[in-house]
Amino acid sequence: MNFKRSLLAAAAGAALVLCGAASASAGTWQNNHPRRVEVNHRLGNQFHRINRDYRDGKITGAQAARLHTEDRAIRGQERFASRFDGGHITRSEQRSLNQEENGVSRQIYNQAH
């Protein structure tokens, strides 16, 4: 049970760090650009799906940690890409990120069922 608490605490801490970093850099990035909003909204939904499936016992702590790691990598790619185009991402970058998110989404579903 301690592992579950530690994993949830780590996930919550990561979410807070990501939120803090986003608000700290809001002046230089266009966080509200439609393509960024769509990508980040999907990442947020997947974050909650992973936590729900873990809480419901459908996936293990190790599976949840791996899925969160993959989502963090996608979020990092989105942030990196936004640095080069005036604070937003291009359509091709959005398409690529969505394809990666689709893969993680399938993994979440497959591991929970």
Protein backbone atom coordinates (compact mmCIF):
# COMPACT_ATOMS: atom_id res chain seq x y z
CA MET A 1 0.00 0.00 0.00
CA ASN A 2 2.94 2.34 0.63
CA PHE A 3 3.98 1.96 -3.00
CA LYS A 4 0.52 3.08 -4.13
CA ARG A 5 0.67 6.14 -1.91
CA SER A 6 4.17 6.96 -3.12
CA LEU A 7 3.13 6.62 -6.76
CA LEU A 8 0.07 8.81 -6.29
CA ALA A 9 2.11 11.39 -4.38
CA ALA A 10 4.73 11.42 -7.14
CA ALA A 11 2.05 11.81 -9.81
CA ALA A 12 0.41 14.63 -7.90
CA GLY A 13 3.78 16.31 -7.40
CA ALA A 14 4.57 16.01 -11.11
CA ALA A 15 1.22 17.56 -11.97
CA LEU A 16 1.91 20.48 -9.63
CA VAL A 17 5.36 21.00 -11.09
CA LEU A 18 3.94 20.98 -14.62
CA CYS A 19 1.22 23.45 -13.65
CA GLY A 20 3.74 25.70 -11.94
CA ALA A 21 6.07 25.63 -14.92
CA ALA A 22 3.22 26.42 -17.26
CA SER A 23 2.07 29.40 -15.22
CA ALA A 24 5.63 30.69 -14.76
CA SER A 25 6.24 30.70 -18.48
CA ALA A 26 2.81 31.97 -19.51
CA GLY A 27 4.28 35.31 -20.49
CA THR A 28 6.46 33.87 -23.25
CA TRP A 29 4.34 30.99 -24.56
CA GLN A 30 0.90 31.01 -26.05
CA ASN A 31 -0.60 28.39 -23.77
CA ASN A 32 -4.04 29.15 -25.13
CA HIS A 33 -3.20 28.46 -28.78
CA PRO A 34 -5.86 26.00 -30.09
CA ARG A 35 -3.41 23.30 -31.19
CA ARG A 36 -1.54 23.42 -27.88
CA VAL A 37 -4.80 23.42 -25.92
CA GLU A 38 -6.02 20.33 -27.79
CA VAL A 39 -2.77 18.40 -27.24
CA ASN A 40 -2.53 19.36 -23.56
CA HIS A 41 -6.21 18.61 -22.95
CA ARG A 42 -5.72 15.09 -24.28
CA LEU A 43 -2.62 14.65 -22.11
CA GLY A 44 -4.63 15.76 -19.08
CA ASN A 45 -7.39 13.29 -19.88
CA GLN A 46 -4.87 10.47 -20.21
CA PHE A 47 -3.28 11.46 -16.90
CA HIS A 48 -6.67 11.06 -15.21
CA ARG A 49 -7.43 7.79 -17.02
CA ILE A 50 -4.12 6.30 -15.84
CA ASN A 51 -4.76 7.37 -12.25
CA ARG A 52 -8.35 6.09 -12.34
CA ASP A 53 -7.32 2.70 -13.73
CA TYR A 54 -4.57 2.43 -11.13
CA ARG A 55 -6.92 3.42 -8.31
CA ASP A 56 -9.50 0.87 -9.55
CA GLY A 57 -6.82 -1.85 -9.61
CA LYS A 58 -6.97 -2.35 -13.38
CA ILE A 59 -3.27 -1.58 -13.84
CA THR A 60 -0.26 -1.99 -11.58
CA GLY A 61 1.86 0.79 -10.14
CA ALA A 62 4.68 -0.05 -12.52
CA GLN A 63 2.33 0.14 -15.52
CA ALA A 64 0.96 3.48 -14.32
CA ALA A 65 4.49 4.84 -13.85
CA ARG A 66 5.51 3.79 -17.39
CA LEU A 67 2.39 5.36 -18.89
CA HIS A 68 2.94 8.59 -16.98
CA THR A 69 6.55 8.63 -18.20
CA GLU A 70 5.40 8.32 -21.81
CA ASP A 71 2.86 11.13 -21.32
CA ARG A 72 5.52 13.37 -19.76
CA ALA A 73 7.76 12.74 -22.78
CA ILE A 74 4.96 13.82 -25.13
CA ARG A 75 4.33 16.94 -23.05
CA GLY A 76 8.05 17.70 -23.21
CA GLN A 77 8.01 17.36 -26.99
CA GLU A 78 5.03 19.74 -27.18
CA ARG A 79 6.81 22.32 -25.06
CA PHE A 80 10.03 21.96 -27.02
CA ALA A 81 8.22 22.36 -30.36
CA SER A 82 6.39 25.46 -29.16
CA ARG A 83 9.68 27.28 -28.56
CA PHE A 84 10.40 27.56 -32.27
CA ASP A 85 7.18 28.92 -33.72
CA GLY A 86 6.11 31.90 -31.70
CA GLY A 87 4.75 29.93 -28.76
CA HIS A 88 2.55 27.50 -30.68
CA ILE A 89 2.91 24.23 -32.54
CA THR A 90 2.44 23.60 -36.25
CA ARG A 91 -0.24 21.33 -37.68
CA SER A 92 2.33 18.66 -38.51
CA GLU A 93 3.70 18.79 -34.95
CA GLN A 94 0.16 18.50 -33.60
CA ARG A 95 -0.51 15.52 -35.88
CA SER A 96 2.67 13.81 -34.71
CA LEU A 97 1.90 14.45 -31.03
CA ASN A 98 -1.66 13.18 -31.52
CA GLN A 99 -0.34 9.96 -33.06
CA GLU A 100 1.89 9.45 -30.03
CA GLU A 101 -1.02 10.17 -27.71
CA ASN A 102 -3.13 7.64 -29.63
CA GLY A 103 -0.47 5.03 -28.94
CA VAL A 104 -0.44 5.77 -25.21
CA SER A 105 -4.24 5.80 -25.18
CA ARG A 106 -4.29 2.31 -26.72
CA GLN A 107 -1.75 1.14 -24.14
CA ILE A 108 -3.93 2.48 -21.31
CA TYR A 109 -6.96 0.68 -22.71
CA ASN A 110 -5.11 -2.60 -23.44
CA GLN A 111 -3.48 -2.75 -20.03
CA ALA A 112 -6.72 -1.98 -18.19
CA HIS A 113 -8.80 -4.60 -20.06
